[in-house]
Amino acid sequence: MMGVTKILYKNTNLSYYDEGKGNTLVFLHGFLENSNMWNYYLDYFSQKYRVIAIDLLGHGESGCIGYVHTMEDMADAVFAIISSLNLKKVTLIGHSMGGYVSLAFGELYPDYVKKIVLVSSSTRADSAERKINRDRALDVIKKNSDLFVTMAINNTFLEDAKITHAKEVEQHLETALKISKQGILAAVEGMKSRNDREILLHFAPYPIKMIIGRLDPVLSLNEVTKEIENTETELIVINSGHLPQIEAKEELLEALKTSLK
């Protein structure tokens, strides 16, 4: 895999991969992940595009800047990297939390966005019920973050995937267990308090595409279908759960290729 680059940002490091030439794709991982989640796709797309994969605040090799990392904080960190590379227009590909960050970026820095592709993600804010669940999660993390991480990863995967992709699931858990307690708490707080950005589906000056797993246990296909009603948003449904990078690697690649056309 390509080498990692770090820049200093607000007294901490931001870490990212940068490879290839051409139009720029910026890959943003989800909660409890890091930029390595995209390795397979970076290898493929770097043959035709410039690909950048960022470790979001408190994840991977990027440090924490506070006790809450709002989606705007994370988007500002992404912008710091894009600015340092003098990039003008990028396509953002965000998985789950990375999708929330892509939308925050799209709202804050619309002139820099060519397109947004949301993978297993939504423009909507947390429901009241979801916020209660986030508060419960925060309590568990404070007491025993490893227990929370193990439960969260277990609940994210479909039962079949835990068997057919046992090795990758195990690696994913190992990655997640390396994230600091502060990084986990700050991200959960940030997701809980995030703004609703459904309006972007109607009025954004750039296209938004969505890829969703038919069996996603975190974000239901039904919800997403309602969300994009009466919009120009293209939706691609694939046979996976919440983590198609592991559960439906090739199908996600085809969906991304279609979304980038």
C-alpha atoms as a PDB file:
ATOM      1  CA  MET A   1       0.000   0.000   0.000  1.00  0.00           C
ATOM      2  CA  MET A   2       1.071   3.601  -0.559  1.00  0.00           C
ATOM      3  CA  GLY A   3       2.916   5.686   2.020  1.00  0.00           C
ATOM      4  CA  VAL A   4       1.228   7.814   4.630  1.00  0.00           C
ATOM      5  CA  THR A   5       1.545  11.610   4.816  1.00  0.00           C
ATOM      6  CA  LYS A   6       0.943  13.688   7.928  1.00  0.00           C
ATOM      7  CA  ILE A   7       0.286  17.380   8.389  1.00  0.00           C
ATOM      8  CA  LEU A   8       0.154  19.346  11.617  1.00  0.00           C
ATOM      9  CA  TYR A   9      -3.346  20.615  12.388  1.00  0.00           C
ATOM     10  CA  LYS A  10      -4.504  22.275  15.620  1.00  0.00           C
ATOM     11  CA  ASN A  11      -1.565  20.816  17.589  1.00  0.00           C
ATOM     12  CA  THR A  12      -2.139  17.281  16.359  1.00  0.00           C
ATOM     13  CA  ASN A  13      -1.451  15.177  13.270  1.00  0.00           C
ATOM     14  CA  LEU A  14      -3.779  14.520  10.368  1.00  0.00           C
ATOM     15  CA  SER A  15      -2.873  11.408   8.419  1.00  0.00           C
ATOM     16  CA  TYR A  16      -3.758  10.530   4.822  1.00  0.00           C
ATOM     17  CA  TYR A  17      -2.760   8.518   1.761  1.00  0.00           C
ATOM     18  CA  ASP A  18      -2.281  10.204  -1.608  1.00  0.00           C
ATOM     19  CA  GLU A  19      -1.613   8.375  -4.858  1.00  0.00           C
ATOM     20  CA  GLY A  20      -2.290   8.531  -8.584  1.00  0.00           C
ATOM     21  CA  LYS A  21      -2.993  11.362 -11.021  1.00  0.00           C
ATOM     22  CA  GLY A  22      -6.109  12.896 -12.542  1.00  0.00           C
ATOM     23  CA  ASN A  23      -9.409  14.050 -11.052  1.00  0.00           C
ATOM     24  CA  THR A  24      -9.352  13.707  -7.275  1.00  0.00           C
ATOM     25  CA  LEU A  25     -11.397  11.226  -5.261  1.00  0.00           C
ATOM     26  CA  VAL A  26     -11.388  11.746  -1.492  1.00  0.00           C
ATOM     27  CA  PHE A  27     -12.337   8.619   0.483  1.00  0.00           C
ATOM     28  CA  LEU A  28     -13.708   9.104   4.014  1.00  0.00           C
ATOM     29  CA  HIS A  29     -14.139   6.060   6.259  1.00  0.00           C
ATOM     30  CA  GLY A  30     -16.855   5.384   8.820  1.00  0.00           C
ATOM     31  CA  PHE A  31     -16.973   5.214  12.627  1.00  0.00           C
ATOM     32  CA  LEU A  32     -14.466   2.791  14.207  1.00  0.00           C
ATOM     33  CA  GLU A  33     -12.620   2.486  10.882  1.00  0.00           C
ATOM     34  CA  ASN A  34      -9.586   4.111   9.285  1.00  0.00           C
ATOM     35  CA  SER A  35      -8.434   4.916   5.757  1.00  0.00           C
ATOM     36  CA  ASN A  36      -7.233   1.305   5.240  1.00  0.00           C
ATOM     37  CA  MET A  37     -10.902   0.341   4.878  1.00  0.00           C
ATOM     38  CA  TRP A  38     -10.582   1.664   1.305  1.00  0.00           C
ATOM     39  CA  ASN A  39      -7.297  -0.064   0.287  1.00  0.00           C
ATOM     40  CA  TYR A  40      -8.847  -2.333  -2.333  1.00  0.00           C
ATOM     41  CA  TYR A  41     -10.615   0.635  -3.975  1.00  0.00           C
ATOM     42  CA  LEU A  42      -7.579   2.923  -3.772  1.00  0.00           C
ATOM     43  CA  ASP A  43      -5.488   0.333  -5.646  1.00  0.00           C
ATOM     44  CA  TYR A  44      -8.119   0.170  -8.378  1.00  0.00           C
ATOM     45  CA  PHE A  45      -9.010   3.861  -8.738  1.00  0.00           C
ATOM     46  CA  SER A  46      -5.436   5.177  -8.434  1.00  0.00           C
ATOM     47  CA  GLN A  47      -4.842   3.815 -11.961  1.00  0.00           C
ATOM     48  CA  LYS A  48      -7.183   6.473 -13.346  1.00  0.00           C
ATOM     49  CA  TYR A  49      -7.665   9.084 -10.596  1.00  0.00           C
ATOM     50  CA  ARG A  50      -5.740  10.820  -7.873  1.00  0.00           C
ATOM     51  CA  VAL A  51      -6.990   9.090  -4.716  1.00  0.00           C
ATOM     52  CA  ILE A  52      -6.760  10.504  -1.221  1.00  0.00           C
ATOM     53  CA  ALA A  53      -7.907   8.512   1.808  1.00  0.00           C
ATOM     54  CA  ILE A  54      -8.028  10.397   5.090  1.00  0.00           C
ATOM     55  CA  ASP A  55      -7.931   9.191   8.691  1.00  0.00           C
ATOM     56  CA  LEU A  56     -10.721  11.267  10.252  1.00  0.00           C
ATOM     57  CA  LEU A  57     -10.154  12.986  13.622  1.00  0.00           C
ATOM     58  CA  GLY A  58      -9.511  10.527  16.451  1.00  0.00           C
ATOM     59  CA  HIS A  59      -9.280   7.571  14.042  1.00  0.00           C
ATOM     60  CA  GLY A  60      -6.297   5.780  12.514  1.00  0.00           C
ATOM     61  CA  GLU A  61      -3.170   7.948  12.772  1.00  0.00           C
ATOM     62  CA  SER A  62      -5.072  11.250  13.104  1.00  0.00           C
ATOM     63  CA  GLY A  63      -5.245  12.764  16.578  1.00  0.00           C
ATOM     64  CA  CYS A  64      -8.069  14.297  18.615  1.00  0.00           C
ATOM     65  CA  ILE A  65      -8.722  18.036  18.863  1.00  0.00           C
ATOM     66  CA  GLY A  66     -11.455  17.967  21.519  1.00  0.00           C
ATOM     67  CA  TYR A  67     -13.996  15.986  23.503  1.00  0.00           C
ATOM     68  CA  VAL A  68     -16.553  16.411  20.721  1.00  0.00           C
ATOM     69  CA  HIS A  69     -15.643  16.106  17.057  1.00  0.00           C
ATOM     70  CA  THR A  70     -18.584  17.633  15.213  1.00  0.00           C
ATOM     71  CA  MET A  71     -19.073  16.675  11.586  1.00  0.00           C
ATOM     72  CA  GLU A  72     -18.026  20.268  10.810  1.00  0.00           C
ATOM     73  CA  ASP A  73     -14.782  19.788  12.806  1.00  0.00           C
ATOM     74  CA  MET A  74     -14.047  16.702  10.751  1.00  0.00           C
ATOM     75  CA  ALA A  75     -14.947  18.498   7.507  1.00  0.00           C
ATOM     76  CA  ASP A  76     -12.602  21.373   8.429  1.00  0.00           C
ATOM     77  CA  ALA A  77      -9.800  18.837   8.956  1.00  0.00           C
ATOM     78  CA  VAL A  78     -10.522  17.349   5.508  1.00  0.00           C
ATOM     79  CA  PHE A  79     -10.423  20.871   4.062  1.00  0.00           C
ATOM     80  CA  ALA A  80      -7.048  21.490   5.740  1.00  0.00           C
ATOM     81  CA  ILE A  81      -5.619  18.525   3.816  1.00  0.00           C
ATOM     82  CA  ILE A  82      -7.268  19.522   0.532  1.00  0.00           C
ATOM     83  CA  SER A  83      -5.981  23.095   0.945  1.00  0.00           C
ATOM     84  CA  SER A  84      -2.454  21.909   1.740  1.00  0.00           C
ATOM     85  CA  LEU A  85      -2.503  19.994  -1.575  1.00  0.00           C
ATOM     86  CA  ASN A  86      -3.913  23.005  -3.512  1.00  0.00           C
ATOM     87  CA  LEU A  87      -6.863  20.962  -4.798  1.00  0.00           C
ATOM     88  CA  LYS A  88      -9.758  22.862  -6.337  1.00  0.00           C
ATOM     89  CA  LYS A  89     -12.557  20.321  -7.010  1.00  0.00           C
ATOM     90  CA  VAL A  90     -12.909  16.885  -5.458  1.00  0.00           C
ATOM     91  CA  THR A  91     -15.379  14.009  -5.446  1.00  0.00           C
ATOM     92  CA  LEU A  92     -16.066  12.866  -1.887  1.00  0.00           C
ATOM     93  CA  ILE A  93     -16.851   9.208  -1.236  1.00  0.00           C
ATOM     94  CA  GLY A  94     -18.008   8.785   2.367  1.00  0.00           C
ATOM     95  CA  HIS A  95     -18.946   5.596   4.180  1.00  0.00           C
ATOM     96  CA  SER A  96     -21.449   5.944   7.066  1.00  0.00           C
ATOM     97  CA  MET A  97     -19.933   8.638   9.364  1.00  0.00           C
ATOM     98  CA  GLY A  98     -17.652   9.571   6.454  1.00  0.00           C
ATOM     99  CA  GLY A  99     -20.849  10.349   4.533  1.00  0.00           C
ATOM    100  CA  TYR A 100     -21.964  12.739   7.288  1.00  0.00           C
ATOM    101  CA  VAL A 101     -18.562  14.425   7.059  1.00  0.00           C
ATOM    102  CA  SER A 102     -18.839  14.635   3.249  1.00  0.00           C
ATOM    103  CA  LEU A 103     -22.203  16.402   3.593  1.00  0.00           C
ATOM    104  CA  ALA A 104     -20.839  18.828   6.202  1.00  0.00           C
ATOM    105  CA  PHE A 105     -17.931  19.524   3.831  1.00  0.00           C
ATOM    106  CA  GLY A 106     -20.400  20.021   0.970  1.00  0.00           C
ATOM    107  CA  GLU A 107     -22.313  22.591   3.019  1.00  0.00           C
ATOM    108  CA  LEU A 108     -19.206  24.432   4.270  1.00  0.00           C
ATOM    109  CA  TYR A 109     -17.126  24.296   1.072  1.00  0.00           C
ATOM    110  CA  PRO A 110     -19.533  23.804  -1.863  1.00  0.00           C
ATOM    111  CA  ASP A 111     -17.138  25.370  -4.388  1.00  0.00           C
ATOM    112  CA  TYR A 112     -14.659  22.542  -3.774  1.00  0.00           C
ATOM    113  CA  VAL A 113     -17.132  19.737  -4.436  1.00  0.00           C
ATOM    114  CA  LYS A 114     -17.584  18.059  -7.789  1.00  0.00           C
ATOM    115  CA  LYS A 115     -19.800  15.237  -6.493  1.00  0.00           C
ATOM    116  CA  ILE A 116     -20.657  13.385  -3.268  1.00  0.00           C
ATOM    117  CA  VAL A 117     -21.119   9.619  -3.135  1.00  0.00           C
ATOM    118  CA  LEU A 118     -22.688   8.353   0.096  1.00  0.00           C
ATOM    119  CA  VAL A 119     -22.073   4.699   0.965  1.00  0.00           C
ATOM    120  CA  SER A 120     -24.331   3.272   3.720  1.00  0.00           C
ATOM    121  CA  SER A 121     -25.050   6.822   4.846  1.00  0.00           C
ATOM    122  CA  SER A 122     -27.850   9.363   5.160  1.00  0.00           C
ATOM    123  CA  THR A 123     -28.466  13.103   4.958  1.00  0.00           C
ATOM    124  CA  ARG A 124     -30.837  12.963   7.942  1.00  0.00           C
ATOM    125  CA  ALA A 125     -29.987  13.832  11.536  1.00  0.00           C
ATOM    126  CA  ASP A 126     -30.380  11.237  14.283  1.00  0.00           C
ATOM    127  CA  SER A 127     -33.963  10.522  15.314  1.00  0.00           C
ATOM    128  CA  ALA A 128     -34.923  11.050  18.974  1.00  0.00           C
ATOM    129  CA  GLU A 129     -34.703   7.280  19.483  1.00  0.00           C
ATOM    130  CA  ARG A 130     -31.258   7.118  17.869  1.00  0.00           C
ATOM    131  CA  LYS A 131     -30.023   9.926  20.133  1.00  0.00           C
ATOM    132  CA  ILE A 132     -31.141   7.951  23.202  1.00  0.00           C
ATOM    133  CA  ASN A 133     -29.185   4.959  21.860  1.00  0.00           C
ATOM    134  CA  ARG A 134     -26.135   7.184  21.354  1.00  0.00           C
ATOM    135  CA  ASP A 135     -26.403   8.332  25.004  1.00  0.00           C
ATOM    136  CA  ARG A 136     -26.527   4.693  26.109  1.00  0.00           C
ATOM    137  CA  ALA A 137     -23.472   4.012  23.955  1.00  0.00           C
ATOM    138  CA  LEU A 138     -21.602   6.936  25.556  1.00  0.00           C
ATOM    139  CA  ASP A 139     -22.255   5.447  29.015  1.00  0.00           C
ATOM    140  CA  VAL A 140     -20.884   2.065  27.934  1.00  0.00           C
ATOM    141  CA  ILE A 141     -17.811   3.633  26.263  1.00  0.00           C
ATOM    142  CA  LYS A 142     -16.957   5.596  29.425  1.00  0.00           C
ATOM    143  CA  LYS A 143     -17.059   2.399  31.500  1.00  0.00           C
ATOM    144  CA  ASN A 144     -15.487  -0.052  29.041  1.00  0.00           C
ATOM    145  CA  SER A 145     -14.645   1.134  25.531  1.00  0.00           C
ATOM    146  CA  ASP A 146     -13.360  -2.296  24.408  1.00  0.00           C
ATOM    147  CA  LEU A 147     -16.690  -3.884  25.314  1.00  0.00           C
ATOM    148  CA  PHE A 148     -18.534  -1.184  23.356  1.00  0.00           C
ATOM    149  CA  VAL A 149     -16.308  -1.633  20.297  1.00  0.00           C
ATOM    150  CA  THR A 150     -16.724  -5.421  20.313  1.00  0.00           C
ATOM    151  CA  MET A 151     -20.524  -5.098  20.615  1.00  0.00           C
ATOM    152  CA  ALA A 152     -20.704  -2.381  17.949  1.00  0.00           C
ATOM    153  CA  ILE A 153     -18.687  -4.374  15.408  1.00  0.00           C
ATOM    154  CA  ASN A 154     -20.696  -7.505  16.171  1.00  0.00           C
ATOM    155  CA  ASN A 155     -23.977  -5.646  15.562  1.00  0.00           C
ATOM    156  CA  THR A 156     -22.751  -4.054  12.330  1.00  0.00           C
ATOM    157  CA  PHE A 157     -22.193  -7.275  10.397  1.00  0.00           C
ATOM    158  CA  LEU A 158     -24.768  -9.657   9.022  1.00  0.00           C
ATOM    159  CA  GLU A 159     -24.553 -13.141  10.576  1.00  0.00           C
ATOM    160  CA  ASP A 160     -23.554 -14.691   7.224  1.00  0.00           C
ATOM    161  CA  ALA A 161     -20.715 -12.205   6.793  1.00  0.00           C
ATOM    162  CA  LYS A 162     -19.266 -13.072  10.212  1.00  0.00           C
ATOM    163  CA  ILE A 163     -18.756 -16.602   8.865  1.00  0.00           C
ATOM    164  CA  THR A 164     -17.870 -16.017   5.200  1.00  0.00           C
ATOM    165  CA  HIS A 165     -15.589 -13.027   5.966  1.00  0.00           C
ATOM    166  CA  ALA A 166     -14.392 -14.101   9.414  1.00  0.00           C
ATOM    167  CA  LYS A 167     -10.780 -12.999   8.816  1.00  0.00           C
ATOM    168  CA  GLU A 168     -11.715  -9.493   7.588  1.00  0.00           C
ATOM    169  CA  VAL A 169     -14.237  -9.063  10.420  1.00  0.00           C
ATOM    170  CA  GLU A 170     -11.510  -9.993  12.907  1.00  0.00           C
ATOM    171  CA  GLN A 171      -9.085  -7.505  11.311  1.00  0.00           C
ATOM    172  CA  HIS A 172     -11.763  -4.824  11.399  1.00  0.00           C
ATOM    173  CA  LEU A 173     -12.290  -5.455  15.120  1.00  0.00           C
ATOM    174  CA  GLU A 174      -8.526  -5.234  15.751  1.00  0.00           C
ATOM    175  CA  THR A 175      -8.421  -1.873  13.943  1.00  0.00           C
ATOM    176  CA  ALA A 176     -11.382  -0.564  15.937  1.00  0.00           C
ATOM    177  CA  LEU A 177      -9.879  -1.638  19.279  1.00  0.00           C
ATOM    178  CA  LYS A 178      -6.826   0.569  18.586  1.00  0.00           C
ATOM    179  CA  ILE A 179      -8.931   3.759  18.552  1.00  0.00           C
ATOM    180  CA  SER A 180      -8.589   5.816  21.723  1.00  0.00           C
ATOM    181  CA  LYS A 181     -11.514   6.168  24.101  1.00  0.00           C
ATOM    182  CA  GLN A 182     -11.472   9.938  23.473  1.00  0.00           C
ATOM    183  CA  GLY A 183     -11.622   9.383  19.703  1.00  0.00           C
ATOM    184  CA  ILE A 184     -14.647   7.092  20.085  1.00  0.00           C
ATOM    185  CA  LEU A 185     -16.508   9.386  22.498  1.00  0.00           C
ATOM    186  CA  ALA A 186     -15.815  12.503  20.396  1.00  0.00           C
ATOM    187  CA  ALA A 187     -17.167  10.824  17.251  1.00  0.00           C
ATOM    188  CA  VAL A 188     -20.339   9.527  18.941  1.00  0.00           C
ATOM    189  CA  GLU A 189     -21.011  12.997  20.405  1.00  0.00           C
ATOM    190  CA  GLY A 190     -20.452  14.523  16.970  1.00  0.00           C
ATOM    191  CA  MET A 191     -22.777  12.105  15.189  1.00  0.00           C
ATOM    192  CA  LYS A 192     -25.457  12.549  17.833  1.00  0.00           C
ATOM    193  CA  SER A 193     -25.470  16.342  17.462  1.00  0.00           C
ATOM    194  CA  ARG A 194     -25.099  16.481  13.671  1.00  0.00           C
ATOM    195  CA  ASN A 195     -27.339  18.726  11.584  1.00  0.00           C
ATOM    196  CA  ASP A 196     -29.987  17.430   9.235  1.00  0.00           C
ATOM    197  CA  ARG A 197     -28.766  17.992   5.681  1.00  0.00           C
ATOM    198  CA  GLU A 198     -31.639  16.540   3.674  1.00  0.00           C
ATOM    199  CA  ILE A 199     -32.028  19.941   2.007  1.00  0.00           C
ATOM    200  CA  LEU A 200     -28.815  19.225   0.082  1.00  0.00           C
ATOM    201  CA  LEU A 201     -30.617  16.459  -1.825  1.00  0.00           C
ATOM    202  CA  HIS A 202     -32.907  19.170  -3.206  1.00  0.00           C
ATOM    203  CA  PHE A 203     -30.644  22.206  -3.591  1.00  0.00           C
ATOM    204  CA  ALA A 204     -26.954  21.213  -3.597  1.00  0.00           C
ATOM    205  CA  PRO A 205     -25.031  22.685  -6.563  1.00  0.00           C
ATOM    206  CA  TYR A 206     -23.397  19.265  -7.135  1.00  0.00           C
ATOM    207  CA  PRO A 207     -24.834  15.756  -7.634  1.00  0.00           C
ATOM    208  CA  ILE A 208     -25.259  13.417  -4.665  1.00  0.00           C
ATOM    209  CA  LYS A 209     -25.292   9.662  -5.326  1.00  0.00           C
ATOM    210  CA  MET A 210     -26.195   6.986  -2.767  1.00  0.00           C
ATOM    211  CA  ILE A 211     -25.143   3.346  -2.429  1.00  0.00           C
ATOM    212  CA  ILE A 212     -26.954   1.273   0.185  1.00  0.00           C
ATOM    213  CA  GLY A 213     -26.896  -2.370   1.224  1.00  0.00           C
ATOM    214  CA  ARG A 214     -30.231  -4.130   0.819  1.00  0.00           C
ATOM    215  CA  LEU A 215     -29.812  -5.755   4.254  1.00  0.00           C
ATOM    216  CA  ASP A 216     -28.102  -2.891   6.102  1.00  0.00           C
ATOM    217  CA  PRO A 217     -28.911  -3.377   9.836  1.00  0.00           C
ATOM    218  CA  VAL A 218     -27.925   0.217  10.686  1.00  0.00           C
ATOM    219  CA  LEU A 219     -29.701   2.171   7.937  1.00  0.00           C
ATOM    220  CA  SER A 220     -32.804   0.653   6.408  1.00  0.00           C
ATOM    221  CA  LEU A 221     -33.326   0.685   2.661  1.00  0.00           C
ATOM    222  CA  ASN A 222     -36.900   1.788   3.319  1.00  0.00           C
ATOM    223  CA  GLU A 223     -35.716   4.928   5.154  1.00  0.00           C
ATOM    224  CA  VAL A 224     -33.266   5.844   2.411  1.00  0.00           C
ATOM    225  CA  THR A 225     -35.888   5.322  -0.306  1.00  0.00           C
ATOM    226  CA  LYS A 226     -38.207   7.776   1.504  1.00  0.00           C
ATOM    227  CA  GLU A 227     -35.348  10.221   2.027  1.00  0.00           C
ATOM    228  CA  ILE A 228     -34.656  10.561  -1.711  1.00  0.00           C
ATOM    229  CA  GLU A 229     -38.301  10.797  -2.845  1.00  0.00           C
ATOM    230  CA  ASN A 230     -38.856  13.773  -5.184  1.00  0.00           C
ATOM    231  CA  THR A 231     -35.129  14.374  -5.627  1.00  0.00           C
ATOM    232  CA  GLU A 232     -32.708  13.754  -8.490  1.00  0.00           C
ATOM    233  CA  THR A 233     -30.601  11.491  -6.253  1.00  0.00           C
ATOM    234  CA  GLU A 234     -29.426   8.275  -7.869  1.00  0.00           C
ATOM    235  CA  LEU A 235     -29.641   5.246  -5.582  1.00  0.00           C
ATOM    236  CA  ILE A 236     -27.771   1.995  -6.169  1.00  0.00           C
ATOM    237  CA  VAL A 237     -28.832  -0.945  -4.004  1.00  0.00           C
ATOM    238  CA  ILE A 238     -26.301  -3.731  -3.475  1.00  0.00           C
ATOM    239  CA  ASN A 239     -26.498  -7.093  -1.727  1.00  0.00           C
ATOM    240  CA  SER A 240     -24.739  -6.315   1.540  1.00  0.00           C
ATOM    241  CA  GLY A 241     -25.144  -5.065   5.073  1.00  0.00           C
ATOM    242  CA  HIS A 242     -23.584  -1.893   6.469  1.00  0.00           C
ATOM    243  CA  LEU A 243     -19.997  -2.691   5.457  1.00  0.00           C
ATOM    244  CA  PRO A 244     -19.943  -3.489   1.735  1.00  0.00           C
ATOM    245  CA  GLN A 245     -16.140  -2.961   1.668  1.00  0.00           C
ATOM    246  CA  ILE A 246     -15.991  -6.325   3.450  1.00  0.00           C
ATOM    247  CA  GLU A 247     -19.363  -7.935   2.688  1.00  0.00           C
ATOM    248  CA  ALA A 248     -19.678  -7.123  -1.043  1.00  0.00           C
ATOM    249  CA  LYS A 249     -16.267  -5.887  -2.207  1.00  0.00           C
ATOM    250  CA  GLU A 250     -16.733  -6.387  -5.962  1.00  0.00           C
ATOM    251  CA  GLU A 251     -20.333  -5.214  -6.017  1.00  0.00           C
ATOM    252  CA  LEU A 252     -19.362  -1.993  -4.233  1.00  0.00           C
ATOM    253  CA  LEU A 253     -16.557  -1.459  -6.768  1.00  0.00           C
ATOM    254  CA  GLU A 254     -19.062  -1.716  -9.636  1.00  0.00           C
ATOM    255  CA  ALA A 255     -21.461   0.643  -7.810  1.00  0.00           C
ATOM    256  CA  LEU A 256     -18.675   3.198  -7.270  1.00  0.00           C
ATOM    257  CA  LYS A 257     -17.639   2.979 -10.930  1.00  0.00           C
ATOM    258  CA  THR A 258     -21.257   3.650 -11.927  1.00  0.00           C
ATOM    259  CA  SER A 259     -21.560   6.556  -9.446  1.00  0.00           C
ATOM    260  CA  LEU A 260     -18.410   8.207 -10.784  1.00  0.00           C
ATOM    261  CA  LYS A 261     -19.631   8.235 -14.405  1.00  0.00           C
END
